[in-house]
Amino acid sequence: MQPDSQNVLIYEKKGEGGAVSLTEFEKISGAAFVPKLQFDRWDIFHALVKKMGKLQRKEKLSRQQVWFGRYFQKEIEQGYLPAVSIRWIDEEIGWGVFAEKTFEKFEFIAEYAGVLRKKRRSDRKNNYCFEYLYAPGIHSPYTIDAQDQSGIARFINHSAPSNLDSALASCQGVNHVVLFTKEIVAKGTQLTYDYGPTYWSKRDAPRPL
């Protein structure tokens, strides 16, 4: 199914499934659906753009993050939704994201969307926070919180090995975390990426998919 603004997701639970609207899915998942990065406050946005501009002038941004920003600029700016479905798997795993067409290598799947805000001590208990970097190895005081507002990436499960890669992409003075295919992914396949050892250091190991 090619998603659109009215009916982009598939909901299947305990054998009873079917297409549902975004509004219905938001009620089911408990999170507002946003395909693009959101900002907790406008002063954070302005401070971020200023900091990123300074790092760019000092040539501190990596070539890779600049390249990814240019390569996926259209998808990032438009909040592109690919041909995928979000499906309920079971009570232990929860949701998963599945290809509704065959994807070629290096196709954009999603931005890790949520609210960009300052880090909190309580974030250790939030499974949906993604560390926000200015550049590889250059940390920031911010995190992307996808607990209450999120896009497709929130529902993509961990796997090692995986069929998706993540990258930092600088676009219009702001960094974005993008997920893209690292191999051909056949229609019907679950999309996954490796959350990394830091995520699992204080969590139980996941069940293999």
N, C-alpha and C. Protein backbone atom coordinates (compact mmCIF):
# COMPACT_ATOMS: atom_id res chain seq x y z
N MET A 1 0.84 -1.20 0.00
CA MET A 1 0.00 0.00 0.00
C MET A 1 0.87 1.24 0.00
N GLN A 2 0.62 2.15 -0.88
CA GLN A 2 1.33 3.43 -0.90
C GLN A 2 0.65 4.37 0.10
N PRO A 3 1.34 4.75 1.19
CA PRO A 3 0.70 5.55 2.21
C PRO A 3 0.28 6.92 1.68
N ASP A 4 -0.76 7.49 2.27
CA ASP A 4 -1.14 8.86 2.00
C ASP A 4 -1.56 9.49 3.32
N SER A 5 -1.96 10.74 3.28
CA SER A 5 -2.25 11.47 4.52
C SER A 5 -3.50 10.96 5.22
N GLN A 6 -4.35 10.20 4.54
CA GLN A 6 -5.58 9.73 5.13
C GLN A 6 -5.48 8.31 5.70
N ASN A 7 -4.66 7.48 5.08
CA ASN A 7 -4.65 6.07 5.45
C ASN A 7 -3.26 5.50 5.22
N VAL A 8 -2.32 5.79 6.12
CA VAL A 8 -0.93 5.47 5.86
C VAL A 8 -0.45 4.21 6.57
N LEU A 9 -1.22 3.69 7.49
CA LEU A 9 -0.72 2.62 8.32
C LEU A 9 -1.66 1.42 8.31
N ILE A 10 -1.11 0.25 8.65
CA ILE A 10 -1.91 -0.97 8.79
C ILE A 10 -1.86 -1.38 10.25
N TYR A 11 -3.01 -1.67 10.80
CA TYR A 11 -3.07 -2.13 12.19
C TYR A 11 -3.56 -3.56 12.22
N GLU A 12 -2.76 -4.46 12.80
CA GLU A 12 -3.16 -5.85 12.93
C GLU A 12 -2.85 -6.31 14.34
N LYS A 13 -3.87 -6.80 15.05
CA LYS A 13 -3.66 -7.22 16.43
C LYS A 13 -4.51 -8.45 16.73
N LYS A 14 -3.85 -9.49 17.25
CA LYS A 14 -4.52 -10.72 17.63
C LYS A 14 -5.37 -11.28 16.50
N GLY A 15 -4.82 -11.20 15.29
CA GLY A 15 -5.49 -11.79 14.15
C GLY A 15 -6.59 -10.95 13.54
N GLU A 16 -6.90 -9.82 14.15
CA GLU A 16 -7.95 -8.96 13.62
C GLU A 16 -7.30 -7.69 13.10
N GLY A 17 -7.31 -7.50 11.81
CA GLY A 17 -6.56 -6.38 11.27
C GLY A 17 -7.27 -5.68 10.16
N GLY A 18 -6.63 -4.66 9.64
CA GLY A 18 -7.16 -3.89 8.55
C GLY A 18 -6.57 -2.50 8.57
N ALA A 19 -6.85 -1.76 7.53
CA ALA A 19 -6.32 -0.41 7.43
C ALA A 19 -7.06 0.51 8.38
N VAL A 20 -6.33 1.39 9.02
CA VAL A 20 -6.93 2.38 9.91
C VAL A 20 -6.40 3.76 9.55
N SER A 21 -7.12 4.78 9.92
CA SER A 21 -6.71 6.15 9.64
C SER A 21 -5.60 6.56 10.60
N LEU A 22 -4.93 7.66 10.26
CA LEU A 22 -3.90 8.20 11.16
C LEU A 22 -4.48 8.53 12.52
N THR A 23 -5.66 9.12 12.54
CA THR A 23 -6.29 9.49 13.81
C THR A 23 -6.53 8.26 14.68
N GLU A 24 -7.01 7.20 14.07
CA GLU A 24 -7.24 5.96 14.82
C GLU A 24 -5.92 5.37 15.31
N PHE A 25 -4.91 5.40 14.46
CA PHE A 25 -3.63 4.83 14.85
C PHE A 25 -3.00 5.62 15.99
N GLU A 26 -3.13 6.92 15.97
CA GLU A 26 -2.59 7.75 17.05
C GLU A 26 -3.23 7.37 18.39
N LYS A 27 -4.51 7.06 18.38
CA LYS A 27 -5.19 6.64 19.61
C LYS A 27 -4.68 5.28 20.06
N ILE A 28 -4.45 4.38 19.11
CA ILE A 28 -3.98 3.04 19.43
C ILE A 28 -2.55 3.06 19.98
N SER A 29 -1.68 3.82 19.32
CA SER A 29 -0.26 3.83 19.68
C SER A 29 0.05 4.78 20.83
N GLY A 30 -0.81 5.76 21.06
CA GLY A 30 -0.57 6.73 22.13
C GLY A 30 0.42 7.81 21.76
N ALA A 31 0.72 7.96 20.47
CA ALA A 31 1.68 8.98 20.02
C ALA A 31 1.14 9.70 18.80
N ALA A 32 1.26 11.02 18.78
CA ALA A 32 0.88 11.80 17.59
C ALA A 32 1.86 11.48 16.47
N PHE A 33 1.35 11.33 15.25
CA PHE A 33 2.20 10.97 14.12
C PHE A 33 2.78 12.22 13.47
N VAL A 34 4.11 12.34 13.49
CA VAL A 34 4.80 13.46 12.85
C VAL A 34 5.98 12.90 12.07
N PRO A 35 6.04 13.09 10.75
CA PRO A 35 7.12 12.53 9.96
C PRO A 35 8.42 13.33 9.98
N LYS A 36 8.38 14.53 10.59
CA LYS A 36 9.55 15.41 10.59
C LYS A 36 9.93 15.80 12.01
N LEU A 37 11.16 16.25 12.18
CA LEU A 37 11.66 16.70 13.47
C LEU A 37 10.86 17.91 13.95
N GLN A 38 10.46 17.87 15.23
CA GLN A 38 9.73 18.95 15.86
C GLN A 38 10.63 19.62 16.91
N PHE A 39 10.27 20.84 17.33
CA PHE A 39 11.07 21.55 18.31
C PHE A 39 10.24 21.91 19.54
N ASP A 40 10.82 21.62 20.71
CA ASP A 40 10.16 21.90 21.98
C ASP A 40 9.92 23.40 22.15
N ARG A 41 10.92 24.20 21.74
CA ARG A 41 10.80 25.66 21.83
C ARG A 41 11.56 26.28 20.66
N TRP A 42 11.11 27.45 20.22
CA TRP A 42 11.77 28.12 19.10
C TRP A 42 13.16 28.62 19.47
N ASP A 43 13.39 28.92 20.75
CA ASP A 43 14.73 29.37 21.13
C ASP A 43 15.74 28.24 20.97
N ILE A 44 15.29 26.98 21.13
CA ILE A 44 16.17 25.84 20.89
C ILE A 44 16.52 25.76 19.41
N PHE A 45 15.53 25.97 18.56
CA PHE A 45 15.77 25.94 17.12
C PHE A 45 16.80 27.00 16.72
N HIS A 46 16.63 28.22 17.19
CA HIS A 46 17.54 29.31 16.83
C HIS A 46 18.95 29.06 17.38
N ALA A 47 19.04 28.55 18.61
CA ALA A 47 20.35 28.25 19.20
C ALA A 47 21.05 27.14 18.41
N LEU A 48 20.27 26.17 17.97
CA LEU A 48 20.83 25.06 17.20
C LEU A 48 21.37 25.54 15.85
N VAL A 49 20.57 26.32 15.14
CA VAL A 49 21.00 26.83 13.83
C VAL A 49 22.27 27.68 13.98
N LYS A 50 22.31 28.49 15.03
CA LYS A 50 23.49 29.33 15.27
C LYS A 50 24.73 28.48 15.53
N LYS A 51 24.57 27.45 16.36
CA LYS A 51 25.69 26.56 16.69
C LYS A 51 26.15 25.79 15.46
N MET A 52 25.20 25.29 14.69
CA MET A 52 25.55 24.53 13.49
C MET A 52 26.27 25.41 12.47
N GLY A 53 25.83 26.66 12.35
CA GLY A 53 26.49 27.59 11.44
C GLY A 53 27.93 27.85 11.85
N LYS A 54 28.15 27.98 13.15
CA LYS A 54 29.51 28.20 13.65
C LYS A 54 30.40 26.99 13.37
N LEU A 55 29.86 25.79 13.59
CA LEU A 55 30.63 24.58 13.34
C LEU A 55 30.95 24.42 11.84
N GLN A 56 29.99 24.81 11.01
CA GLN A 56 30.22 24.71 9.56
C GLN A 56 31.31 25.65 9.12
N ARG A 57 31.30 26.88 9.65
CA ARG A 57 32.35 27.84 9.29
C ARG A 57 33.73 27.38 9.74
N LYS A 58 33.76 26.65 10.85
CA LYS A 58 35.03 26.12 11.36
C LYS A 58 35.37 24.76 10.74
N GLU A 59 34.53 24.32 9.79
CA GLU A 59 34.72 23.06 9.08
C GLU A 59 34.77 21.87 10.03
N LYS A 60 33.87 21.90 11.02
CA LYS A 60 33.78 20.82 12.00
C LYS A 60 32.75 19.77 11.60
N LEU A 61 31.88 20.10 10.65
CA LEU A 61 30.89 19.13 10.21
C LEU A 61 31.57 18.11 9.30
N SER A 62 31.19 16.85 9.42
CA SER A 62 31.81 15.82 8.59
C SER A 62 31.29 15.91 7.16
N ARG A 63 32.10 15.49 6.22
CA ARG A 63 31.68 15.46 4.83
C ARG A 63 30.47 14.55 4.65
N GLN A 64 30.46 13.47 5.43
CA GLN A 64 29.37 12.50 5.31
C GLN A 64 28.02 13.10 5.70
N GLN A 65 27.97 13.85 6.83
CA GLN A 65 26.68 14.39 7.25
C GLN A 65 26.19 15.48 6.29
N VAL A 66 27.11 16.23 5.71
CA VAL A 66 26.74 17.23 4.71
C VAL A 66 26.23 16.55 3.45
N TRP A 67 26.91 15.47 3.05
CA TRP A 67 26.51 14.75 1.84
C TRP A 67 25.13 14.12 2.01
N PHE A 68 24.89 13.48 3.15
CA PHE A 68 23.59 12.87 3.41
C PHE A 68 22.48 13.92 3.42
N GLY A 69 22.78 15.10 3.97
CA GLY A 69 21.79 16.17 3.99
C GLY A 69 21.39 16.61 2.60
N ARG A 70 22.36 16.66 1.70
CA ARG A 70 22.08 17.06 0.32
C ARG A 70 21.36 15.93 -0.43
N TYR A 71 21.81 14.70 -0.20
CA TYR A 71 21.26 13.56 -0.94
C TYR A 71 19.79 13.32 -0.59
N PHE A 72 19.45 13.45 0.69
CA PHE A 72 18.08 13.20 1.15
C PHE A 72 17.32 14.49 1.48
N GLN A 73 17.77 15.60 0.94
CA GLN A 73 17.15 16.89 1.27
C GLN A 73 15.66 16.92 0.97
N LYS A 74 15.27 16.45 -0.19
CA LYS A 74 13.86 16.48 -0.59
C LYS A 74 13.00 15.67 0.37
N GLU A 75 13.45 14.46 0.69
CA GLU A 75 12.69 13.59 1.58
C GLU A 75 12.58 14.19 2.99
N ILE A 76 13.68 14.78 3.47
CA ILE A 76 13.68 15.39 4.80
C ILE A 76 12.72 16.57 4.86
N GLU A 77 12.83 17.46 3.89
CA GLU A 77 12.02 18.68 3.91
C GLU A 77 10.53 18.39 3.72
N GLN A 78 10.20 17.37 2.93
CA GLN A 78 8.80 17.05 2.65
C GLN A 78 8.19 16.09 3.65
N GLY A 79 9.00 15.54 4.56
CA GLY A 79 8.47 14.54 5.48
C GLY A 79 7.97 13.32 4.73
N TYR A 80 8.78 12.84 3.80
CA TYR A 80 8.41 11.77 2.88
C TYR A 80 7.97 10.51 3.62
N LEU A 81 6.88 9.89 3.15
CA LEU A 81 6.40 8.62 3.69
C LEU A 81 6.55 7.54 2.62
N PRO A 82 7.36 6.51 2.86
CA PRO A 82 7.57 5.46 1.86
C PRO A 82 6.43 4.45 1.89
N ALA A 83 6.49 3.48 0.99
CA ALA A 83 5.47 2.44 0.91
C ALA A 83 5.76 1.37 1.96
N VAL A 84 5.35 1.65 3.19
CA VAL A 84 5.53 0.70 4.29
C VAL A 84 4.23 0.61 5.08
N SER A 85 4.14 -0.42 5.90
CA SER A 85 3.02 -0.54 6.82
C SER A 85 3.56 -0.77 8.22
N ILE A 86 2.82 -0.32 9.21
CA ILE A 86 3.15 -0.57 10.61
C ILE A 86 2.17 -1.62 11.11
N ARG A 87 2.69 -2.76 11.55
CA ARG A 87 1.84 -3.89 11.91
C ARG A 87 2.11 -4.36 13.34
N TRP A 88 1.09 -4.78 14.01
CA TRP A 88 1.25 -5.38 15.33
C TRP A 88 1.78 -6.79 15.17
N ILE A 89 2.84 -7.13 15.93
CA ILE A 89 3.44 -8.47 15.84
C ILE A 89 2.93 -9.36 16.97
N ASP A 90 3.25 -8.99 18.21
CA ASP A 90 2.72 -9.70 19.36
C ASP A 90 2.96 -8.85 20.60
N GLU A 91 2.54 -9.37 21.77
CA GLU A 91 2.63 -8.59 23.01
C GLU A 91 4.08 -8.35 23.44
N GLU A 92 4.98 -9.27 23.09
CA GLU A 92 6.37 -9.12 23.51
C GLU A 92 7.12 -8.11 22.64
N ILE A 93 6.98 -8.21 21.34
CA ILE A 93 7.70 -7.32 20.42
C ILE A 93 6.94 -6.03 20.18
N GLY A 94 5.62 -6.12 20.10
CA GLY A 94 4.83 -4.91 19.82
C GLY A 94 4.68 -4.69 18.33
N TRP A 95 4.97 -3.45 17.90
CA TRP A 95 4.82 -3.09 16.49
C TRP A 95 6.07 -3.39 15.68
N GLY A 96 5.89 -3.44 14.37
CA GLY A 96 7.01 -3.57 13.45
C GLY A 96 6.66 -2.87 12.15
N VAL A 97 7.67 -2.51 11.38
CA VAL A 97 7.47 -1.82 10.10
C VAL A 97 7.87 -2.77 8.97
N PHE A 98 7.00 -2.87 7.96
CA PHE A 98 7.19 -3.84 6.88
C PHE A 98 7.15 -3.15 5.52
N ALA A 99 7.97 -3.65 4.61
CA ALA A 99 8.03 -3.11 3.25
C ALA A 99 6.78 -3.51 2.48
N GLU A 100 6.12 -2.53 1.87
CA GLU A 100 4.95 -2.79 1.03
C GLU A 100 5.31 -2.74 -0.46
N LYS A 101 6.61 -2.67 -0.73
CA LYS A 101 7.14 -2.81 -2.08
C LYS A 101 8.58 -3.28 -1.92
N THR A 102 9.23 -3.66 -3.00
CA THR A 102 10.65 -3.99 -2.94
C THR A 102 11.46 -2.70 -3.00
N PHE A 103 12.30 -2.50 -2.00
CA PHE A 103 13.15 -1.30 -1.95
C PHE A 103 14.53 -1.64 -2.49
N GLU A 104 15.06 -0.72 -3.27
CA GLU A 104 16.44 -0.86 -3.74
C GLU A 104 17.40 -0.40 -2.65
N LYS A 105 18.67 -0.71 -2.83
CA LYS A 105 19.68 -0.26 -1.88
C LYS A 105 19.76 1.27 -1.87
N PHE A 106 19.90 1.83 -0.70
CA PHE A 106 20.10 3.26 -0.47
C PHE A 106 18.83 4.08 -0.72
N GLU A 107 17.69 3.53 -0.38
CA GLU A 107 16.44 4.28 -0.45
C GLU A 107 16.09 4.84 0.93
N PHE A 108 15.58 6.06 0.96
CA PHE A 108 15.16 6.71 2.19
C PHE A 108 13.93 6.00 2.75
N ILE A 109 13.98 5.70 4.05
CA ILE A 109 12.82 5.09 4.72
C ILE A 109 12.16 6.07 5.68
N ALA A 110 12.94 6.70 6.55
CA ALA A 110 12.32 7.59 7.53
C ALA A 110 13.37 8.46 8.21
N GLU A 111 12.90 9.57 8.73
CA GLU A 111 13.68 10.35 9.69
C GLU A 111 13.25 9.91 11.08
N TYR A 112 14.20 9.85 12.02
CA TYR A 112 13.80 9.60 13.40
C TYR A 112 13.15 10.88 13.91
N ALA A 113 11.83 10.90 13.81
CA ALA A 113 11.07 12.10 14.13
C ALA A 113 10.60 12.09 15.58
N GLY A 114 10.55 13.26 16.14
CA GLY A 114 10.10 13.45 17.51
C GLY A 114 10.35 14.89 17.88
N VAL A 115 10.33 15.18 19.17
CA VAL A 115 10.56 16.54 19.65
C VAL A 115 12.02 16.70 20.05
N LEU A 116 12.69 17.69 19.48
CA LEU A 116 14.05 18.01 19.89
C LEU A 116 13.97 18.89 21.13
N ARG A 117 14.54 18.44 22.21
CA ARG A 117 14.50 19.18 23.47
C ARG A 117 15.77 18.91 24.25
N LYS A 118 15.95 19.63 25.35
CA LYS A 118 17.13 19.42 26.19
C LYS A 118 16.99 18.10 26.95
N LYS A 119 18.14 17.48 27.18
CA LYS A 119 18.17 16.20 27.89
C LYS A 119 17.70 16.38 29.34
N ARG A 120 17.11 15.30 29.87
CA ARG A 120 16.67 15.26 31.26
C ARG A 120 17.21 14.00 31.92
N ARG A 121 17.32 14.03 33.22
CA ARG A 121 17.78 12.84 33.94
C ARG A 121 16.82 11.68 33.74
N SER A 122 15.54 11.99 33.62
CA SER A 122 14.52 10.95 33.47
C SER A 122 14.58 10.25 32.11
N ASP A 123 15.40 10.76 31.19
CA ASP A 123 15.49 10.16 29.86
C ASP A 123 16.01 8.72 29.90
N ARG A 124 16.66 8.35 31.00
CA ARG A 124 17.17 6.98 31.13
C ARG A 124 16.04 5.96 31.13
N LYS A 125 14.84 6.42 31.49
CA LYS A 125 13.68 5.53 31.53
C LYS A 125 12.82 5.66 30.28
N ASN A 126 13.25 6.49 29.35
CA ASN A 126 12.48 6.72 28.12
C ASN A 126 13.12 5.92 26.98
N ASN A 127 12.42 4.90 26.49
CA ASN A 127 12.97 4.04 25.45
C ASN A 127 12.97 4.69 24.06
N TYR A 128 12.40 5.87 23.96
CA TYR A 128 12.23 6.49 22.63
C TYR A 128 13.09 7.73 22.45
N CYS A 129 14.13 7.89 23.26
CA CYS A 129 15.05 9.02 23.10
C CYS A 129 16.22 8.60 22.22
N PHE A 130 16.56 9.47 21.29
CA PHE A 130 17.68 9.23 20.37
C PHE A 130 18.67 10.37 20.55
N GLU A 131 19.92 10.05 20.89
CA GLU A 131 20.93 11.10 21.14
C GLU A 131 21.10 11.98 19.92
N TYR A 132 21.17 13.28 20.15
CA TYR A 132 21.32 14.25 19.06
C TYR A 132 22.74 14.80 19.07
N LEU A 133 23.44 14.65 17.96
CA LEU A 133 24.82 15.10 17.83
C LEU A 133 24.90 16.32 16.92
N TYR A 134 25.86 17.21 17.21
CA TYR A 134 26.15 18.30 16.28
C TYR A 134 26.90 17.77 15.05
N ALA A 135 27.80 16.82 15.33
CA ALA A 135 28.63 16.17 14.30
C ALA A 135 29.14 14.89 14.94
N PRO A 136 29.63 13.94 14.15
CA PRO A 136 30.17 12.72 14.75
C PRO A 136 31.22 13.04 15.81
N GLY A 137 30.99 12.57 17.02
CA GLY A 137 31.91 12.82 18.11
C GLY A 137 31.71 14.15 18.83
N ILE A 138 30.81 14.99 18.35
CA ILE A 138 30.54 16.28 18.99
C ILE A 138 29.12 16.24 19.55
N HIS A 139 29.02 16.08 20.86
CA HIS A 139 27.73 15.91 21.52
C HIS A 139 27.02 17.25 21.71
N SER A 140 25.73 17.17 21.92
CA SER A 140 24.91 18.35 22.17
C SER A 140 24.12 18.14 23.46
N PRO A 141 23.50 19.18 23.99
CA PRO A 141 22.67 19.02 25.19
C PRO A 141 21.26 18.54 24.86
N TYR A 142 21.02 18.11 23.61
CA TYR A 142 19.67 17.78 23.16
C TYR A 142 19.47 16.29 22.92
N THR A 143 18.21 15.91 22.89
CA THR A 143 17.81 14.56 22.52
C THR A 143 16.56 14.65 21.65
N ILE A 144 16.33 13.63 20.83
CA ILE A 144 15.08 13.54 20.07
C ILE A 144 14.16 12.61 20.84
N ASP A 145 13.06 13.14 21.34
CA ASP A 145 12.11 12.39 22.15
C ASP A 145 10.92 12.00 21.28
N ALA A 146 10.78 10.69 21.03
CA ALA A 146 9.69 10.20 20.17
C ALA A 146 8.62 9.47 20.99
N GLN A 147 8.57 9.73 22.28
CA GLN A 147 7.59 9.02 23.11
C GLN A 147 6.15 9.45 22.81
N ASP A 148 5.93 10.75 22.71
CA ASP A 148 4.56 11.27 22.53
C ASP A 148 4.29 11.79 21.12
N GLN A 149 5.34 12.09 20.37
CA GLN A 149 5.22 12.49 18.97
C GLN A 149 6.27 11.72 18.18
N SER A 150 5.86 11.10 17.10
CA SER A 150 6.81 10.25 16.40
C SER A 150 6.36 9.97 14.99
N GLY A 151 7.29 9.39 14.21
CA GLY A 151 6.99 8.97 12.85
C GLY A 151 7.23 7.48 12.71
N ILE A 152 7.50 7.06 11.49
CA ILE A 152 7.69 5.64 11.20
C ILE A 152 8.83 5.03 12.00
N ALA A 153 9.93 5.77 12.16
CA ALA A 153 11.14 5.21 12.77
C ALA A 153 10.91 4.70 14.19
N ARG A 154 9.98 5.30 14.91
CA ARG A 154 9.69 4.87 16.30
C ARG A 154 9.30 3.40 16.36
N PHE A 155 8.72 2.88 15.29
CA PHE A 155 8.18 1.54 15.30
C PHE A 155 9.07 0.52 14.59
N ILE A 156 10.26 0.96 14.14
CA ILE A 156 11.20 0.04 13.49
C ILE A 156 11.99 -0.70 14.57
N ASN A 157 11.98 -2.02 14.51
CA ASN A 157 12.61 -2.84 15.54
C ASN A 157 14.11 -3.01 15.33
N HIS A 158 14.76 -3.40 16.44
CA HIS A 158 16.20 -3.69 16.42
C HIS A 158 16.46 -5.08 15.85
N SER A 159 17.55 -5.18 15.12
CA SER A 159 18.07 -6.48 14.69
C SER A 159 19.53 -6.31 14.32
N ALA A 160 20.29 -7.34 14.61
CA ALA A 160 21.70 -7.37 14.18
C ALA A 160 21.97 -8.78 13.65
N PRO A 161 22.16 -8.94 12.34
CA PRO A 161 22.27 -7.88 11.33
C PRO A 161 20.90 -7.28 11.00
N SER A 162 20.94 -6.14 10.30
CA SER A 162 19.73 -5.42 9.94
C SER A 162 19.76 -5.07 8.46
N ASN A 163 18.63 -4.59 7.95
CA ASN A 163 18.59 -4.19 6.54
C ASN A 163 18.56 -2.68 6.35
N LEU A 164 18.63 -1.92 7.47
CA LEU A 164 18.68 -0.46 7.41
C LEU A 164 19.93 0.05 8.10
N ASP A 165 20.40 1.19 7.66
CA ASP A 165 21.47 1.93 8.32
C ASP A 165 20.93 3.28 8.75
N SER A 166 21.57 3.90 9.74
CA SER A 166 21.21 5.25 10.16
C SER A 166 22.38 6.18 9.88
N ALA A 167 22.07 7.45 9.66
CA ALA A 167 23.12 8.43 9.39
C ALA A 167 22.68 9.80 9.87
N LEU A 168 23.65 10.63 10.19
CA LEU A 168 23.41 12.03 10.52
C LEU A 168 23.40 12.82 9.22
N ALA A 169 22.35 13.62 9.03
CA ALA A 169 22.22 14.38 7.78
C ALA A 169 21.95 15.84 8.10
N SER A 170 22.83 16.73 7.64
CA SER A 170 22.68 18.16 7.88
C SER A 170 21.93 18.81 6.73
N CYS A 171 20.80 19.44 7.05
CA CYS A 171 19.95 20.03 6.02
C CYS A 171 19.39 21.35 6.52
N GLN A 172 19.66 22.44 5.79
CA GLN A 172 19.15 23.77 6.15
C GLN A 172 19.53 24.16 7.59
N GLY A 173 20.76 23.86 7.99
CA GLY A 173 21.25 24.29 9.29
C GLY A 173 20.82 23.45 10.46
N VAL A 174 20.18 22.31 10.21
CA VAL A 174 19.70 21.43 11.27
C VAL A 174 20.11 19.99 10.95
N ASN A 175 20.51 19.24 11.97
CA ASN A 175 20.82 17.83 11.77
C ASN A 175 19.56 16.98 11.87
N HIS A 176 19.54 15.92 11.09
CA HIS A 176 18.44 14.96 11.12
C HIS A 176 19.05 13.57 11.16
N VAL A 177 18.39 12.65 11.85
CA VAL A 177 18.81 11.26 11.85
C VAL A 177 17.94 10.52 10.85
N VAL A 178 18.56 10.00 9.80
CA VAL A 178 17.80 9.35 8.73
C VAL A 178 18.11 7.85 8.69
N LEU A 179 17.11 7.08 8.30
CA LEU A 179 17.25 5.64 8.13
C LEU A 179 17.05 5.31 6.66
N PHE A 180 17.91 4.48 6.11
CA PHE A 180 17.85 4.14 4.69
C PHE A 180 18.26 2.68 4.50
N THR A 181 17.86 2.10 3.38
CA THR A 181 18.16 0.69 3.13
C THR A 181 19.64 0.51 2.79
N LYS A 182 20.23 -0.52 3.36
CA LYS A 182 21.63 -0.80 3.04
C LYS A 182 21.77 -2.01 2.12
N GLU A 183 20.62 -2.53 1.68
CA GLU A 183 20.58 -3.65 0.75
C GLU A 183 19.20 -3.67 0.09
N ILE A 184 19.02 -4.52 -0.90
CA ILE A 184 17.68 -4.68 -1.48
C ILE A 184 16.79 -5.35 -0.45
N VAL A 185 15.60 -4.78 -0.23
CA VAL A 185 14.65 -5.31 0.76
C VAL A 185 13.39 -5.73 0.02
N ALA A 186 13.08 -7.01 0.06
CA ALA A 186 11.92 -7.53 -0.66
C ALA A 186 10.61 -7.12 -0.02
N LYS A 187 9.59 -7.00 -0.82
CA LYS A 187 8.24 -6.68 -0.34
C LYS A 187 7.82 -7.71 0.71
N GLY A 188 7.24 -7.22 1.81
CA GLY A 188 6.79 -8.10 2.88
C GLY A 188 7.81 -8.29 3.99
N THR A 189 9.06 -7.84 3.77
CA THR A 189 10.13 -7.99 4.77
C THR A 189 10.00 -6.95 5.87
N GLN A 190 10.28 -7.36 7.09
CA GLN A 190 10.30 -6.39 8.18
C GLN A 190 11.57 -5.54 8.09
N LEU A 191 11.43 -4.24 8.24
CA LEU A 191 12.55 -3.31 8.24
C LEU A 191 13.13 -3.20 9.64
N THR A 192 14.46 -3.28 9.75
CA THR A 192 15.11 -3.23 11.06
C THR A 192 16.41 -2.46 10.98
N TYR A 193 16.86 -1.95 12.14
CA TYR A 193 18.21 -1.39 12.21
C TYR A 193 18.80 -1.71 13.57
N ASP A 194 20.11 -1.63 13.66
CA ASP A 194 20.83 -1.98 14.88
C ASP A 194 20.81 -0.78 15.83
N TYR A 195 20.19 -0.94 16.99
CA TYR A 195 20.11 0.16 17.96
C TYR A 195 21.47 0.49 18.58
N GLY A 196 22.41 -0.46 18.53
CA GLY A 196 23.75 -0.22 19.06
C GLY A 196 23.90 -0.69 20.49
N PRO A 197 25.15 -0.95 20.92
CA PRO A 197 25.41 -1.50 22.26
C PRO A 197 25.03 -0.57 23.40
N THR A 198 25.10 0.74 23.19
CA THR A 198 24.76 1.68 24.26
C THR A 198 23.30 1.54 24.66
N TYR A 199 22.43 1.38 23.68
CA TYR A 199 20.99 1.26 23.97
C TYR A 199 20.71 0.03 24.82
N TRP A 200 21.41 -1.09 24.54
CA TRP A 200 21.13 -2.34 25.22
C TRP A 200 21.95 -2.53 26.49
N SER A 201 22.85 -1.60 26.81
CA SER A 201 23.72 -1.78 27.97
C SER A 201 22.94 -1.87 29.28
N LYS A 202 21.77 -1.22 29.36
CA LYS A 202 20.97 -1.24 30.59
C LYS A 202 19.56 -1.81 30.34
N ARG A 203 19.44 -2.60 29.28
CA ARG A 203 18.15 -3.21 28.94
C ARG A 203 18.33 -4.70 28.68
N ASP A 204 17.26 -5.45 28.84
CA ASP A 204 17.31 -6.87 28.53
C ASP A 204 17.50 -7.06 27.02
N ALA A 205 18.25 -8.07 26.65
CA ALA A 205 18.48 -8.35 25.23
C ALA A 205 17.15 -8.64 24.54
N PRO A 206 16.97 -8.14 23.32
CA PRO A 206 15.69 -8.33 22.64
C PRO A 206 15.53 -9.75 22.12
N ARG A 207 14.29 -10.16 21.91
CA ARG A 207 14.01 -11.44 21.29
C ARG A 207 14.34 -11.37 19.81
N PRO A 208 15.05 -12.37 19.28
CA PRO A 208 15.35 -12.34 17.83
C PRO A 208 14.08 -12.26 17.01
N LEU A 209 14.12 -11.48 15.91
CA LEU A 209 12.94 -11.33 15.07
C LEU A 209 12.81 -12.51 14.11
